[in-house]
Amino acid sequence: MRELILGGARSGKSRHAQTRALALSMAKRAPVLCLVTAQALDAEMAERIARHQADRPPAWRVVEAPIALPEAIVAAPADAVVLV
């Protein structure tokens, strides 16, 4: 199953996606792999990234893939819930 969550800037997409990933991982008893693509190129983005990091459960595995996202998706474990 794949889900695409769309919305405007700062509309709650990330929080909703994290909630869905957590629910799916609990239902499937599967780990969550969080593929992050943002880069802290300025202070505002660094602050937003820090908020996202603080919101994620510590058990989630995080892979930084700002450029090689397709490769990171292909390399994800088959049983994982993947959050981009």
C-alpha atoms as a PDB file:
ATOM      1  CA  MET A   1       0.000   0.000   0.000  1.00  0.00           C
ATOM      2  CA  ARG A   2       1.205   3.506  -0.798  1.00  0.00           C
ATOM      3  CA  GLU A   3      -0.193   6.788   0.418  1.00  0.00           C
ATOM      4  CA  LEU A   4       0.539  10.247  -0.917  1.00  0.00           C
ATOM      5  CA  ILE A   5      -0.169  13.104   1.459  1.00  0.00           C
ATOM      6  CA  LEU A   6      -0.424  16.511  -0.170  1.00  0.00           C
ATOM      7  CA  GLY A   7      -1.057  19.979   1.202  1.00  0.00           C
ATOM      8  CA  GLY A   8       0.156  23.518   1.294  1.00  0.00           C
ATOM      9  CA  ALA A   9       3.194  24.844   3.111  1.00  0.00           C
ATOM     10  CA  ARG A  10       2.945  24.324   6.873  1.00  0.00           C
ATOM     11  CA  SER A  11      -0.452  22.628   6.564  1.00  0.00           C
ATOM     12  CA  GLY A  12       0.352  19.696   8.860  1.00  0.00           C
ATOM     13  CA  LYS A  13       1.451  17.205   6.194  1.00  0.00           C
ATOM     14  CA  SER A  14       4.440  15.989   8.171  1.00  0.00           C
ATOM     15  CA  ARG A  15       2.539  15.484  11.410  1.00  0.00           C
ATOM     16  CA  HIS A  16      -0.247  13.641   9.575  1.00  0.00           C
ATOM     17  CA  ALA A  17       2.285  11.470   7.710  1.00  0.00           C
ATOM     18  CA  GLN A  18       4.108  10.649  10.946  1.00  0.00           C
ATOM     19  CA  THR A  19       0.825   9.680  12.594  1.00  0.00           C
ATOM     20  CA  ARG A  20      -0.044   7.406   9.658  1.00  0.00           C
ATOM     21  CA  ALA A  21       3.441   5.840   9.636  1.00  0.00           C
ATOM     22  CA  LEU A  22       3.218   5.112  13.348  1.00  0.00           C
ATOM     23  CA  ALA A  23      -0.232   3.538  12.972  1.00  0.00           C
ATOM     24  CA  LEU A  24       0.877   1.407  10.027  1.00  0.00           C
ATOM     25  CA  SER A  25       4.038   0.271  11.783  1.00  0.00           C
ATOM     26  CA  MET A  26       2.051  -0.760  14.843  1.00  0.00           C
ATOM     27  CA  ALA A  27      -0.551  -2.585  12.742  1.00  0.00           C
ATOM     28  CA  LYS A  28       2.083  -4.392  10.674  1.00  0.00           C
ATOM     29  CA  ARG A  29       4.557  -4.732  13.562  1.00  0.00           C
ATOM     30  CA  ALA A  30       7.095  -3.250  11.195  1.00  0.00           C
ATOM     31  CA  PRO A  31       9.898  -0.736  11.660  1.00  0.00           C
ATOM     32  CA  VAL A  32       9.659   2.807  10.309  1.00  0.00           C
ATOM     33  CA  LEU A  33      12.331   4.100   7.979  1.00  0.00           C
ATOM     34  CA  CYS A  34      12.264   7.871   7.621  1.00  0.00           C
ATOM     35  CA  LEU A  35      13.973   9.158   4.482  1.00  0.00           C
ATOM     36  CA  VAL A  36      14.730  12.846   4.897  1.00  0.00           C
ATOM     37  CA  THR A  37      15.476  15.104   1.953  1.00  0.00           C
ATOM     38  CA  ALA A  38      15.800  18.610   3.364  1.00  0.00           C
ATOM     39  CA  GLN A  39      19.133  20.328   3.802  1.00  0.00           C
ATOM     40  CA  ALA A  40      19.772  23.058   6.364  1.00  0.00           C
ATOM     41  CA  LEU A  41      20.930  25.725   3.942  1.00  0.00           C
ATOM     42  CA  ASP A  42      19.705  28.601   6.111  1.00  0.00           C
ATOM     43  CA  ALA A  43      18.685  29.239   9.723  1.00  0.00           C
ATOM     44  CA  GLU A  44      14.948  28.912   9.070  1.00  0.00           C
ATOM     45  CA  MET A  45      15.367  25.502   7.459  1.00  0.00           C
ATOM     46  CA  ALA A  46      17.697  24.386  10.256  1.00  0.00           C
ATOM     47  CA  GLU A  47      14.973  25.293  12.754  1.00  0.00           C
ATOM     48  CA  ARG A  48      12.305  23.416  10.794  1.00  0.00           C
ATOM     49  CA  ILE A  49      14.557  20.356  10.529  1.00  0.00           C
ATOM     50  CA  ALA A  50      15.204  20.465  14.282  1.00  0.00           C
ATOM     51  CA  ARG A  51      11.437  20.520  14.938  1.00  0.00           C
ATOM     52  CA  HIS A  52      10.912  17.524  12.662  1.00  0.00           C
ATOM     53  CA  GLN A  53      13.729  15.640  14.400  1.00  0.00           C
ATOM     54  CA  ALA A  54      12.199  16.354  17.808  1.00  0.00           C
ATOM     55  CA  ASP A  55       8.784  15.141  16.618  1.00  0.00           C
ATOM     56  CA  ARG A  56      10.033  11.755  15.387  1.00  0.00           C
ATOM     57  CA  PRO A  57      10.029   8.761  17.725  1.00  0.00           C
ATOM     58  CA  PRO A  58      13.600   7.804  18.668  1.00  0.00           C
ATOM     59  CA  ALA A  59      13.127   4.211  17.465  1.00  0.00           C
ATOM     60  CA  TRP A  60      12.636   5.304  13.868  1.00  0.00           C
ATOM     61  CA  ARG A  61      15.639   4.787  11.624  1.00  0.00           C
ATOM     62  CA  VAL A  62      16.532   7.936   9.697  1.00  0.00           C
ATOM     63  CA  VAL A  63      18.425   8.055   6.414  1.00  0.00           C
ATOM     64  CA  GLU A  64      19.434  11.383   4.910  1.00  0.00           C
ATOM     65  CA  ALA A  65      18.796  11.251   1.168  1.00  0.00           C
ATOM     66  CA  PRO A  66      18.730  14.818  -0.164  1.00  0.00           C
ATOM     67  CA  ILE A  67      19.894  13.755  -3.621  1.00  0.00           C
ATOM     68  CA  ALA A  68      19.708   9.957  -3.911  1.00  0.00           C
ATOM     69  CA  LEU A  69      16.074   9.511  -2.829  1.00  0.00           C
ATOM     70  CA  PRO A  70      15.161   6.899  -5.484  1.00  0.00           C
ATOM     71  CA  GLU A  71      18.126   4.758  -4.454  1.00  0.00           C
ATOM     72  CA  ALA A  72      17.213   5.089  -0.768  1.00  0.00           C
ATOM     73  CA  ILE A  73      13.637   3.999  -1.482  1.00  0.00           C
ATOM     74  CA  VAL A  74      14.848   0.944  -3.444  1.00  0.00           C
ATOM     75  CA  ALA A  75      17.270   0.064  -0.623  1.00  0.00           C
ATOM     76  CA  ALA A  76      14.572   0.222   2.068  1.00  0.00           C
ATOM     77  CA  PRO A  77      13.818  -3.070   3.812  1.00  0.00           C
ATOM     78  CA  ALA A  78      10.772  -4.765   2.303  1.00  0.00           C
ATOM     79  CA  ASP A  79       8.979  -4.975   5.639  1.00  0.00           C
ATOM     80  CA  ALA A  80       9.544  -1.339   6.630  1.00  0.00           C
ATOM     81  CA  VAL A  81       7.017   1.464   6.650  1.00  0.00           C
ATOM     82  CA  VAL A  82       8.828   4.122   4.619  1.00  0.00           C
ATOM     83  CA  LEU A  83       8.155   7.773   5.311  1.00  0.00           C
ATOM     84  CA  VAL A  84       9.640  10.350   2.943  1.00  0.00           C
END
